Amino acid sequence: MLTRTSKQIFIGSVYIVVALVVVGGFYWNKYRPTCNDNVQNGKEEGVDCGTVACGKACSVPIQALVVENIKLVKTPTGDFDLAVLVYNPNYDYGTSAVNYDLIITDFASKEIMRRSDSFYILPGQTKYVVKTSLSGIPDGALAQVKIKSVDWQRVTSAKDITFIVTREAITPETNQTIYQAVITNNTNFDFDTIDVNIVVTDSSGAIIATNITNFQTFISQTERSIKVVWPFSLPVGARVKIEVGTNVFNNANFLKRNGTQEKFQQYY
């Protein structure tokens, strides 16, 4: 038979076990990872993610696009050219559609022009968004870019989309300047539309003009020539920066080969 002391020890042990079960159950229910409740809990490293807790790594939060520079320049013809330098700090996300407003204000901050447009940008890319021949703008005006929405698309296995620019030539004439170059499609894809943005700087590096062109049907491993004209003479020492790109987020931009549409899923 149990002694009185033994009974007390036994009863006390039972109470302790019950208390540990209750506390442990409360702790587990409160802090256990559920991985499907839209709440970060337990050992989750983020909301419903984490290698240890849920068996999947957490995605890096998408960062906002950075507008690094906006340059509105008056050309010798009296209108204005625009160059907007944009940086995408995300190396896992790009987009086919950055919807934005271009806002022009006068020296008194009064809005005199607003235009809506969009552009695409690759993961980790820094690119120029270019406008030419903007008219009706007074001297001293300022440009702003307000990004309204971004259709982000995750890129999981990026391919190298490379266009090579060679044989560049600038030909100044009396009342115009001609720029010519040869572009090589150094990819394994055939594209429907290619965009070319051009920014001109003077000898000090200041932007003095822009231009833009595009062409269709660019077959893999082939060359295409481009020619753009400014209706004024560029100064001696002017330098041309050319950016060649294509909207690789648009499947229709990949031409059909052997009767089937190229799949951009090969890229993202």
Protein backbone atom coordinates (compact mmCIF):
# COMPACT_ATOMS: atom_id res chain seq x y z
CA MET A 1 0.00 0.00 0.00
CA LEU A 2 1.08 3.52 -0.70
CA THR A 3 2.02 5.63 2.23
CA ARG A 4 0.44 9.01 2.72
CA THR A 5 3.61 10.72 1.48
CA SER A 6 3.76 8.50 -1.59
CA LYS A 7 0.15 9.34 -2.41
CA GLN A 8 0.89 13.04 -2.15
CA ILE A 9 3.91 12.68 -4.43
CA PHE A 10 1.85 10.68 -6.94
CA ILE A 11 -1.00 13.20 -6.98
CA GLY A 12 1.47 16.06 -7.29
CA SER A 13 3.17 14.35 -10.23
CA VAL A 14 -0.17 13.92 -11.97
CA TYR A 15 -0.95 17.60 -11.57
CA ILE A 16 2.46 18.51 -12.97
CA VAL A 17 2.01 16.25 -16.02
CA VAL A 18 -1.46 17.66 -16.68
CA ALA A 19 -0.14 21.21 -16.38
CA LEU A 20 2.73 20.49 -18.77
CA VAL A 21 0.33 18.98 -21.31
CA VAL A 22 -2.01 21.97 -21.11
CA VAL A 23 0.79 24.52 -21.36
CA GLY A 24 2.57 22.56 -24.08
CA GLY A 25 -0.61 22.22 -26.09
CA PHE A 26 -1.33 25.93 -25.78
CA TYR A 27 2.21 26.76 -26.85
CA TRP A 28 2.06 24.38 -29.83
CA ASN A 29 -1.28 25.68 -31.02
CA LYS A 30 -0.07 29.26 -30.73
CA TYR A 31 3.41 28.96 -32.16
CA ARG A 32 3.40 25.93 -34.43
CA PRO A 33 3.95 26.63 -38.16
CA THR A 34 0.80 26.04 -40.16
CA CYS A 35 2.14 27.15 -43.58
CA ASN A 36 -1.34 27.90 -44.88
CA ASP A 37 -2.93 30.45 -42.53
CA ASN A 38 -1.47 33.68 -44.00
CA VAL A 39 0.31 34.33 -40.69
CA GLN A 40 4.00 34.05 -39.85
CA ASN A 41 4.26 31.74 -36.85
CA GLY A 42 6.39 28.99 -35.38
CA LYS A 43 9.72 28.71 -37.13
CA GLU A 44 8.41 30.20 -40.35
CA GLU A 45 10.87 32.65 -41.87
CA GLY A 46 8.08 34.57 -43.55
CA VAL A 47 4.34 34.26 -44.05
CA ASP A 48 3.69 30.53 -44.63
CA CYS A 49 7.23 29.88 -45.80
CA GLY A 50 10.64 28.83 -44.56
CA THR A 51 12.87 25.88 -45.36
CA VAL A 52 12.69 24.31 -41.88
CA ALA A 53 9.05 25.03 -41.10
CA CYS A 54 7.35 24.60 -44.45
CA GLY A 55 9.93 23.01 -46.73
CA LYS A 56 10.03 25.98 -49.10
CA ALA A 57 12.18 29.09 -49.16
CA CYS A 58 10.60 32.51 -48.74
CA SER A 59 10.46 34.75 -51.79
CA VAL A 60 12.42 37.98 -51.69
CA PRO A 61 10.00 40.93 -51.37
CA ILE A 62 9.53 42.84 -54.62
CA GLN A 63 11.20 46.25 -54.52
CA ALA A 64 9.84 49.31 -56.24
CA LEU A 65 11.34 50.54 -59.49
CA VAL A 66 13.82 53.38 -59.07
CA VAL A 67 13.65 56.43 -61.34
CA GLU A 68 17.31 57.43 -61.20
CA ASN A 69 17.27 60.44 -63.50
CA ILE A 70 14.90 62.50 -65.63
CA LYS A 71 16.31 64.83 -68.26
CA LEU A 72 14.15 67.14 -70.35
CA VAL A 73 16.26 68.93 -72.98
CA LYS A 74 15.41 71.55 -75.57
CA THR A 75 16.68 70.77 -79.06
CA PRO A 76 17.78 73.27 -81.74
CA THR A 77 14.40 72.82 -83.45
CA GLY A 78 12.61 74.30 -80.42
CA ASP A 79 10.90 71.15 -79.16
CA PHE A 80 12.00 68.92 -76.30
CA ASP A 81 13.47 65.43 -75.93
CA LEU A 82 13.12 63.34 -72.78
CA ALA A 83 15.31 60.63 -71.25
CA VAL A 84 14.19 58.80 -68.10
CA LEU A 85 16.68 56.40 -66.53
CA VAL A 86 14.91 53.56 -64.67
CA TYR A 87 16.44 50.79 -62.56
CA ASN A 88 14.78 47.49 -61.61
CA PRO A 89 16.39 46.30 -58.35
CA ASN A 90 14.64 42.93 -58.54
CA TYR A 91 16.69 40.06 -59.94
CA ASP A 92 13.80 37.58 -59.89
CA TYR A 93 11.08 39.80 -61.33
CA GLY A 94 10.57 41.74 -64.53
CA THR A 95 7.52 43.20 -66.18
CA SER A 96 5.90 43.69 -69.56
CA ALA A 97 3.90 46.69 -68.41
CA VAL A 98 4.99 49.55 -66.19
CA ASN A 99 2.07 51.97 -66.48
CA TYR A 100 3.04 55.55 -65.75
CA ASP A 101 2.11 59.20 -66.23
CA LEU A 102 4.57 61.67 -67.70
CA ILE A 103 3.85 65.04 -66.09
CA ILE A 104 5.31 68.31 -67.38
CA THR A 105 5.11 71.39 -65.16
CA ASP A 106 6.21 74.97 -65.75
CA PHE A 107 8.59 76.99 -63.59
CA ALA A 108 5.66 77.78 -61.24
CA SER A 109 4.90 74.04 -60.79
CA LYS A 110 1.70 74.35 -62.83
CA GLU A 111 0.89 71.20 -64.77
CA ILE A 112 0.90 71.86 -68.51
CA MET A 113 1.03 68.34 -69.90
CA ARG A 114 0.19 64.80 -68.77
CA ARG A 115 0.58 61.68 -70.89
CA SER A 116 0.00 58.04 -69.99
CA ASP A 117 2.23 55.32 -71.39
CA SER A 118 3.97 52.07 -70.45
CA PHE A 119 7.29 50.27 -70.86
CA TYR A 120 8.81 46.85 -70.12
CA ILE A 121 11.93 46.11 -68.11
CA LEU A 122 13.98 42.97 -67.40
CA PRO A 123 15.15 41.74 -63.97
CA GLY A 124 18.07 43.80 -62.67
CA GLN A 125 18.01 46.05 -65.73
CA THR A 126 18.78 49.75 -65.95
CA LYS A 127 17.27 51.28 -69.07
CA TYR A 128 16.25 54.55 -70.67
CA VAL A 129 12.64 55.41 -71.43
CA VAL A 130 12.83 57.89 -74.31
CA LYS A 131 10.48 60.47 -75.77
CA THR A 132 11.21 62.78 -78.69
CA SER A 133 9.81 65.96 -80.22
CA LEU A 134 7.62 67.06 -77.31
CA SER A 135 6.09 70.38 -78.33
CA GLY A 136 4.25 73.17 -76.54
CA ILE A 137 6.62 73.15 -73.57
CA PRO A 138 7.99 76.45 -72.22
CA ASP A 139 11.60 77.02 -71.26
CA GLY A 140 12.37 76.07 -67.67
CA ALA A 141 9.78 73.27 -67.60
CA LEU A 142 10.32 70.18 -65.46
CA ALA A 143 9.37 66.56 -66.07
CA GLN A 144 8.09 64.03 -63.55
CA VAL A 145 7.29 60.34 -63.91
CA LYS A 146 4.55 58.88 -61.73
CA ILE A 147 4.45 55.08 -61.83
CA LYS A 148 0.84 53.95 -61.44
CA SER A 149 1.08 50.16 -61.62
CA VAL A 150 3.51 47.36 -62.45
CA ASP A 151 2.53 43.94 -63.79
CA TRP A 152 5.33 41.95 -62.13
CA GLN A 153 6.24 38.53 -63.53
CA ARG A 154 8.65 36.19 -61.80
CA VAL A 155 11.65 34.97 -63.76
CA THR A 156 12.98 31.58 -62.67
CA SER A 157 15.52 30.72 -65.35
CA ALA A 158 16.55 33.78 -67.29
CA LYS A 159 18.08 33.34 -70.72
CA ASP A 160 20.69 35.70 -72.09
CA ILE A 161 18.83 38.11 -74.36
CA THR A 162 21.71 39.86 -76.10
CA PHE A 163 21.81 42.19 -79.08
CA ILE A 164 25.21 43.29 -80.35
CA VAL A 165 25.68 46.76 -81.88
CA THR A 166 28.53 47.23 -84.37
CA ARG A 167 29.58 49.44 -87.27
CA GLU A 168 28.26 52.63 -85.69
CA ALA A 169 28.67 55.81 -87.69
CA ILE A 170 27.61 59.42 -87.13
CA THR A 171 27.37 61.57 -90.26
CA PRO A 172 26.88 65.32 -89.67
CA GLU A 173 25.30 67.25 -92.52
CA THR A 174 24.27 70.88 -92.96
CA ASN A 175 20.92 70.75 -91.20
CA GLN A 176 20.79 67.20 -89.91
CA THR A 177 22.75 64.36 -88.34
CA ILE A 178 22.50 60.73 -89.42
CA TYR A 179 23.31 57.79 -87.16
CA GLN A 180 23.68 54.29 -88.59
CA ALA A 181 24.57 50.94 -87.01
CA VAL A 182 24.27 47.19 -87.47
CA ILE A 183 22.50 45.10 -84.81
CA THR A 184 23.02 41.35 -84.42
CA ASN A 185 20.42 39.10 -82.80
CA ASN A 186 22.82 36.99 -80.76
CA THR A 187 20.04 34.86 -79.22
CA ASN A 188 18.34 31.59 -80.11
CA PHE A 189 14.97 33.30 -80.54
CA ASP A 190 13.21 34.90 -83.50
CA PHE A 191 11.49 38.15 -82.50
CA ASP A 192 8.59 40.04 -84.01
CA THR A 193 9.44 43.56 -82.80
CA ILE A 194 12.69 45.14 -81.67
CA ASP A 195 12.87 48.55 -79.97
CA VAL A 196 15.86 50.88 -80.17
CA ASN A 197 16.30 53.78 -77.72
CA ILE A 198 19.06 56.30 -78.37
CA VAL A 199 20.47 58.90 -75.98
CA VAL A 200 23.01 61.49 -77.13
CA THR A 201 25.42 63.20 -74.73
CA ASP A 202 27.92 65.98 -75.29
CA SER A 203 31.62 65.74 -74.50
CA SER A 204 30.92 66.42 -70.81
CA GLY A 205 28.36 63.59 -70.55
CA ALA A 206 25.26 65.82 -70.41
CA ILE A 207 22.23 64.54 -72.35
CA ILE A 208 21.48 66.78 -75.32
CA ALA A 209 19.08 64.74 -77.49
CA THR A 210 17.26 61.41 -77.86
CA ASN A 211 15.83 59.31 -80.63
CA ILE A 212 13.83 56.12 -80.99
CA THR A 213 13.09 53.57 -83.68
CA ASN A 214 11.96 49.97 -84.06
CA PHE A 215 11.84 47.23 -86.66
CA GLN A 216 10.07 43.94 -87.21
CA THR A 217 11.06 40.32 -87.81
CA PHE A 218 14.49 39.75 -86.33
CA ILE A 219 15.65 36.18 -86.95
CA SER A 220 18.12 34.48 -84.61
CA GLN A 221 21.81 34.98 -85.46
CA THR A 222 21.10 37.53 -88.19
CA GLU A 223 21.92 41.22 -88.67
CA ARG A 224 19.74 44.26 -89.23
CA SER A 225 20.78 47.80 -90.12
CA ILE A 226 19.22 50.88 -88.54
CA LYS A 227 19.25 54.53 -89.53
CA VAL A 228 17.98 57.47 -87.48
CA VAL A 229 18.05 61.17 -88.30
CA TRP A 230 18.06 64.31 -86.16
CA PRO A 231 16.84 67.45 -87.99
CA PHE A 232 19.78 69.45 -86.61
CA SER A 233 23.52 69.12 -86.32
CA LEU A 234 24.91 67.42 -83.25
CA PRO A 235 27.92 69.14 -81.71
CA VAL A 236 31.46 67.91 -82.26
CA GLY A 237 32.31 65.24 -79.72
CA ALA A 238 28.73 64.07 -79.29
CA ARG A 239 28.39 60.46 -78.13
CA VAL A 240 25.55 58.09 -78.92
CA LYS A 241 24.33 55.49 -76.41
CA ILE A 242 22.08 52.88 -77.98
CA GLU A 243 19.85 50.41 -76.15
CA VAL A 244 18.29 47.53 -78.07
CA GLY A 245 15.50 45.55 -76.45
CA THR A 246 12.38 43.50 -76.97
CA ASN A 247 9.37 42.65 -74.82
CA VAL A 248 10.27 39.09 -73.91
CA PHE A 249 7.27 38.89 -71.56
CA ASN A 250 4.93 38.90 -74.54
CA ASN A 251 4.67 35.41 -76.05
CA ALA A 252 3.30 36.85 -79.29
CA ASN A 253 6.64 38.60 -79.75
CA PHE A 254 8.29 35.22 -80.33
CA LEU A 255 7.84 34.24 -83.95
CA LYS A 256 6.55 30.84 -84.93
CA ARG A 257 9.15 28.28 -85.88
CA ASN A 258 8.27 24.97 -87.53
CA GLY A 259 4.59 25.82 -87.21
CA THR A 260 4.55 26.31 -83.44
CA GLN A 261 4.72 29.40 -81.25
CA GLU A 262 7.96 29.82 -79.35
CA LYS A 263 7.20 29.59 -75.64
CA PHE A 264 8.44 32.41 -73.49
CA GLN A 265 8.05 30.03 -70.53
CA GLN A 266 11.55 28.98 -71.55
CA TYR A 267 12.58 32.36 -70.16
CA TYR A 268 10.44 32.72 -67.05
